[in-house]
Amino acid sequence: MKETTIPKATAKRLPLYYRYLKFLFDSGKNKVSSTELSEAVKVDSATIRRDFSYFGELGKRGYGYDVESLMNFFAKTLNEDELTNVALVGVGNLGHALINYRFHQSDSIRISAAFDVKEDIVGRILDGVPVYSSNEMSKQIKEQHIEVAILTVPIESAQENADRLVEAGVRGIMNFTPVRINVPDYVQVQNVDLTNEMQTLIYFLSHYKEDKED
C-alpha cells in the first residue's frame, strides 16, 4: 500500500467499518456493497467509497467488497492482530466501569495495569487487572512496554498524571477528564468528555428537532 496521510475523520470511522464487517463475517455474509454499509453504519456511501480509496482498490465495480478480505485488511490496519496493553490511571467509578467493560468489541485491547492513590484499592486485582500504587506508574509502564493510557483522575491531578505518563514513555492518552491536558506534539490525546456529549445531545434535541443529519 502506498504511504499516504489518512484524514483524521476517516481514521475515526475505520473501527466502525471493521466492527460491522466482523459482524457480517460472523453472520456468514460473503460480500457487501457501499450502499449496504452506508445503511448499516449511517455514513453516506460516497464518504465510505472516499474513505476506502485512501487504501487503494479494496472492491470491484459491480461486485462490491469481499467481506472477509476487507475485514482482514482493516484488522491489520487497526493492529487488531496485535495485543495492545493499556494502563488505566484512576480507579474510581468510571475506572471501575472501564475495567468491567473489558473492551469486548476488540480482542486486541487489554487493560493490563491500573494505578491509584487510594490505599484500600492498591494491591487488589479487579476483574483480572492488578491495581498498583501511583508511585509505581513509571516502573510498571516501562516494564510492560505500555504506550497507551486511559486517564480517569480528578481534575486537579489530571495534568500531573499526564506528565508522569509522558515521562514514562506513553505516546497515546484517552483523556476522560474535562481538563485539556498539555502534552508534547508526539503524544496523541483523545478527549472523551461525557458531560459535554450529553449537553450537546440535549442542545440538538431542542434546536434540531426536524433534522437528524450532522
Protein backbone atom coordinates (compact mmCIF):
# COMPACT_ATOMS: atom_id res chain seq x y z
CA MET A 1 0.00 0.00 0.00
CA LYS A 2 1.33 3.40 -0.94
CA GLU A 3 2.11 5.59 2.05
CA THR A 4 -0.37 8.44 2.34
CA THR A 5 -1.78 10.63 5.05
CA ILE A 6 -5.25 9.49 6.07
CA PRO A 7 -7.57 12.29 7.28
CA LYS A 8 -8.41 12.02 10.96
CA ALA A 9 -12.13 11.96 10.16
CA THR A 10 -11.53 8.85 8.03
CA ALA A 11 -9.34 7.24 10.70
CA LYS A 12 -12.11 7.67 13.27
CA ARG A 13 -14.54 5.77 11.04
CA LEU A 14 -12.27 2.76 10.45
CA PRO A 15 -13.18 0.94 13.70
CA LEU A 16 -16.86 1.42 12.81
CA TYR A 17 -16.34 -0.21 9.44
CA TYR A 18 -14.27 -3.01 10.97
CA ARG A 19 -16.82 -3.88 13.64
CA TYR A 20 -19.65 -4.11 11.13
CA LEU A 21 -17.59 -6.18 8.70
CA LYS A 22 -16.75 -8.55 11.55
CA PHE A 23 -20.46 -8.80 12.33
CA LEU A 24 -21.19 -9.62 8.68
CA PHE A 25 -18.41 -12.20 8.56
CA ASP A 26 -19.63 -13.88 11.74
CA SER A 27 -23.12 -13.94 10.18
CA GLY A 28 -21.81 -15.79 7.12
CA LYS A 29 -22.11 -12.95 4.60
CA ASN A 30 -19.56 -13.03 1.77
CA LYS A 31 -19.89 -9.66 0.07
CA VAL A 32 -21.28 -6.22 0.79
CA SER A 33 -21.87 -3.04 -1.22
CA SER A 34 -21.06 0.50 -0.14
CA THR A 35 -24.82 1.15 -0.10
CA GLU A 36 -25.40 -1.71 2.35
CA LEU A 37 -22.54 -0.49 4.51
CA SER A 38 -23.97 3.02 4.37
CA GLU A 39 -27.36 1.91 5.64
CA ALA A 40 -25.81 -0.11 8.47
CA VAL A 41 -23.21 2.34 9.82
CA LYS A 42 -25.12 5.54 8.94
CA VAL A 43 -22.33 7.01 6.82
CA ASP A 44 -23.22 8.04 3.27
CA SER A 45 -21.91 5.72 0.55
CA ALA A 46 -19.86 8.45 -1.15
CA THR A 47 -17.95 9.02 2.08
CA ILE A 48 -17.39 5.29 2.50
CA ARG A 49 -16.01 4.99 -1.04
CA ARG A 50 -13.76 8.02 -0.46
CA ASP A 51 -12.53 6.58 2.85
CA PHE A 52 -11.73 3.27 1.23
CA SER A 53 -9.99 4.95 -1.74
CA TYR A 54 -7.17 6.11 0.54
CA PHE A 55 -6.13 2.46 0.81
CA GLY A 56 -6.22 1.61 -2.89
CA GLU A 57 -8.59 -0.74 -4.73
CA LEU A 58 -10.47 -2.58 -1.98
CA GLY A 59 -13.51 -3.60 -4.02
CA LYS A 60 -14.65 -4.44 -7.55
CA ARG A 61 -17.09 -2.40 -9.59
CA GLY A 62 -20.35 -4.28 -9.92
CA TYR A 63 -19.40 -6.74 -7.20
CA GLY A 64 -18.85 -4.69 -4.07
CA TYR A 65 -16.49 -5.69 -1.33
CA ASP A 66 -15.39 -9.13 -0.19
CA VAL A 67 -16.34 -9.16 3.50
CA GLU A 68 -13.55 -11.43 4.75
CA SER A 69 -10.79 -9.70 2.78
CA LEU A 70 -11.94 -6.24 3.79
CA MET A 71 -12.35 -7.28 7.42
CA ASN A 72 -8.83 -8.72 7.49
CA PHE A 73 -7.44 -5.62 5.80
CA PHE A 74 -8.92 -3.29 8.41
CA ALA A 75 -7.93 -5.66 11.21
CA LYS A 76 -4.31 -5.31 10.11
CA THR A 77 -4.69 -1.56 9.59
CA LEU A 78 -6.09 -1.17 13.11
CA ASN A 79 -3.50 -3.56 14.59
CA GLU A 80 -6.27 -5.96 15.59
CA ASP A 81 -3.82 -8.79 15.04
CA GLU A 82 -1.59 -7.45 17.84
CA LEU A 83 -2.35 -7.17 21.54
CA THR A 84 -2.05 -3.64 22.95
CA ASN A 85 -1.62 -3.34 26.69
CA VAL A 86 -3.22 -0.24 28.18
CA ALA A 87 -2.72 1.48 31.54
CA LEU A 88 -5.66 2.87 33.49
CA VAL A 89 -4.87 5.81 35.78
CA GLY A 90 -7.60 6.42 38.33
CA VAL A 91 -9.77 3.57 39.63
CA GLY A 92 -12.86 5.49 40.69
CA ASN A 93 -16.40 4.79 39.48
CA LEU A 94 -15.54 5.41 35.83
CA GLY A 95 -12.29 3.50 36.10
CA HIS A 96 -14.14 0.52 37.58
CA ALA A 97 -16.65 0.66 34.73
CA LEU A 98 -13.88 0.65 32.11
CA ILE A 99 -12.21 -2.35 33.74
CA ASN A 100 -15.52 -4.23 33.72
CA TYR A 101 -16.17 -3.19 30.13
CA ARG A 102 -13.08 -5.12 29.04
CA PHE A 103 -13.23 -3.58 25.57
CA HIS A 104 -15.38 -6.50 24.41
CA GLN A 105 -15.58 -5.12 20.89
CA SER A 106 -11.88 -5.75 20.37
CA ASP A 107 -9.74 -8.74 21.26
CA SER A 108 -6.60 -6.65 20.73
CA ILE A 109 -7.02 -4.18 23.61
CA ARG A 110 -6.38 -5.13 27.23
CA ILE A 111 -6.07 -3.05 30.38
CA SER A 112 -3.02 -4.71 31.88
CA ALA A 113 -2.33 -2.35 34.77
CA ALA A 114 -4.29 0.17 36.83
CA PHE A 115 -2.96 2.85 39.14
CA ASP A 116 -4.47 4.72 42.06
CA VAL A 117 -3.52 6.59 45.24
CA LYS A 118 -6.14 5.01 47.49
CA GLU A 119 -4.56 2.51 49.86
CA ASP A 120 -7.74 0.43 50.16
CA ILE A 121 -7.63 -0.46 46.47
CA VAL A 122 -3.90 -0.67 45.78
CA GLY A 123 -2.72 -4.27 45.73
CA ARG A 124 -6.09 -5.67 44.69
CA ILE A 125 -6.91 -7.41 41.42
CA LEU A 126 -10.11 -6.15 39.79
CA ASP A 127 -11.56 -8.40 37.10
CA GLY A 128 -8.07 -9.64 36.30
CA VAL A 129 -6.43 -6.20 36.36
CA PRO A 130 -3.81 -5.56 39.08
CA VAL A 131 -4.03 -2.18 40.80
CA TYR A 132 -0.67 -0.60 41.60
CA SER A 133 0.24 2.45 43.62
CA SER A 134 0.63 5.58 41.52
CA ASN A 135 4.22 5.66 42.75
CA GLU A 136 4.87 2.53 40.65
CA MET A 137 3.43 4.02 37.47
CA SER A 138 6.68 4.79 35.70
CA LYS A 139 8.26 1.45 36.62
CA GLN A 140 5.29 -0.69 35.52
CA ILE A 141 4.66 1.21 32.29
CA LYS A 142 8.28 0.79 31.26
CA GLU A 143 8.44 -2.88 32.29
CA GLN A 144 5.18 -3.74 30.48
CA HIS A 145 6.09 -1.63 27.44
CA ILE A 146 2.80 0.26 27.68
CA GLU A 147 2.36 3.12 25.21
CA VAL A 148 -1.35 3.85 25.68
CA ALA A 149 -3.13 5.03 28.82
CA ILE A 150 -6.62 5.96 29.97
CA LEU A 151 -6.87 8.95 32.30
CA THR A 152 -9.82 8.97 34.73
CA VAL A 153 -8.49 11.01 37.63
CA PRO A 154 -9.88 14.09 39.41
CA ILE A 155 -9.50 17.40 37.57
CA GLU A 156 -6.85 18.76 39.90
CA SER A 157 -4.44 15.87 39.24
CA ALA A 158 -5.04 15.42 35.50
CA GLN A 159 -2.03 17.37 34.23
CA GLU A 160 0.32 15.93 36.84
CA ASN A 161 -0.61 12.38 35.87
CA ALA A 162 -0.41 13.21 32.17
CA ASP A 163 3.13 14.50 32.71
CA ARG A 164 4.08 11.30 34.52
CA LEU A 165 2.63 9.15 31.73
CA VAL A 166 4.56 11.03 29.06
CA GLU A 167 7.76 10.80 31.09
CA ALA A 168 7.24 7.03 31.41
CA GLY A 169 7.01 6.66 27.63
CA VAL A 170 3.26 6.72 26.91
CA ARG A 171 2.51 8.05 23.42
CA GLY A 172 -1.29 7.99 23.47
CA ILE A 173 -3.74 9.12 26.15
CA MET A 174 -7.51 8.72 26.24
CA ASN A 175 -8.49 11.59 28.50
CA PHE A 176 -11.81 11.21 30.29
CA THR A 177 -11.27 14.33 32.41
CA PRO A 178 -12.77 17.68 31.35
CA VAL A 179 -9.29 19.23 31.52
CA ARG A 180 -7.46 19.74 28.23
CA ILE A 181 -4.05 18.38 29.17
CA ASN A 182 -0.83 19.72 27.69
CA VAL A 183 1.47 17.12 26.12
CA PRO A 184 4.33 17.14 23.60
CA ASP A 185 3.42 17.09 19.90
CA TYR A 186 4.43 13.44 19.54
CA VAL A 187 1.79 12.34 22.08
CA GLN A 188 -1.74 11.76 20.79
CA VAL A 189 -4.65 12.71 23.05
CA GLN A 190 -8.25 11.62 22.56
CA ASN A 191 -10.56 13.69 24.75
CA VAL A 192 -13.77 11.99 25.90
CA ASP A 193 -15.98 14.44 27.81
CA LEU A 194 -19.22 12.63 28.68
CA THR A 195 -20.85 15.75 30.14
CA ASN A 196 -20.07 17.72 27.00
CA GLU A 197 -21.51 14.97 24.79
CA MET A 198 -24.70 14.85 26.86
CA GLN A 199 -25.09 18.63 26.79
CA THR A 200 -24.58 18.59 23.02
CA LEU A 201 -27.24 15.90 22.63
CA ILE A 202 -29.72 17.88 24.73
CA TYR A 203 -28.98 21.01 22.69
CA PHE A 204 -29.59 19.12 19.44
CA LEU A 205 -32.88 17.80 20.78
CA SER A 206 -34.00 21.35 21.47
CA HIS A 207 -32.77 23.05 18.30
CA TYR A 208 -32.65 20.41 15.55
CA LYS A 209 -35.90 18.53 16.03
CA GLU A 210 -36.60 18.11 12.31
CA ASP A 211 -33.05 17.50 11.10
CA LYS A 212 -31.18 14.38 12.21
CA GLU A 213 -28.23 14.88 9.88
CA ASP A 214 -24.86 16.09 11.24
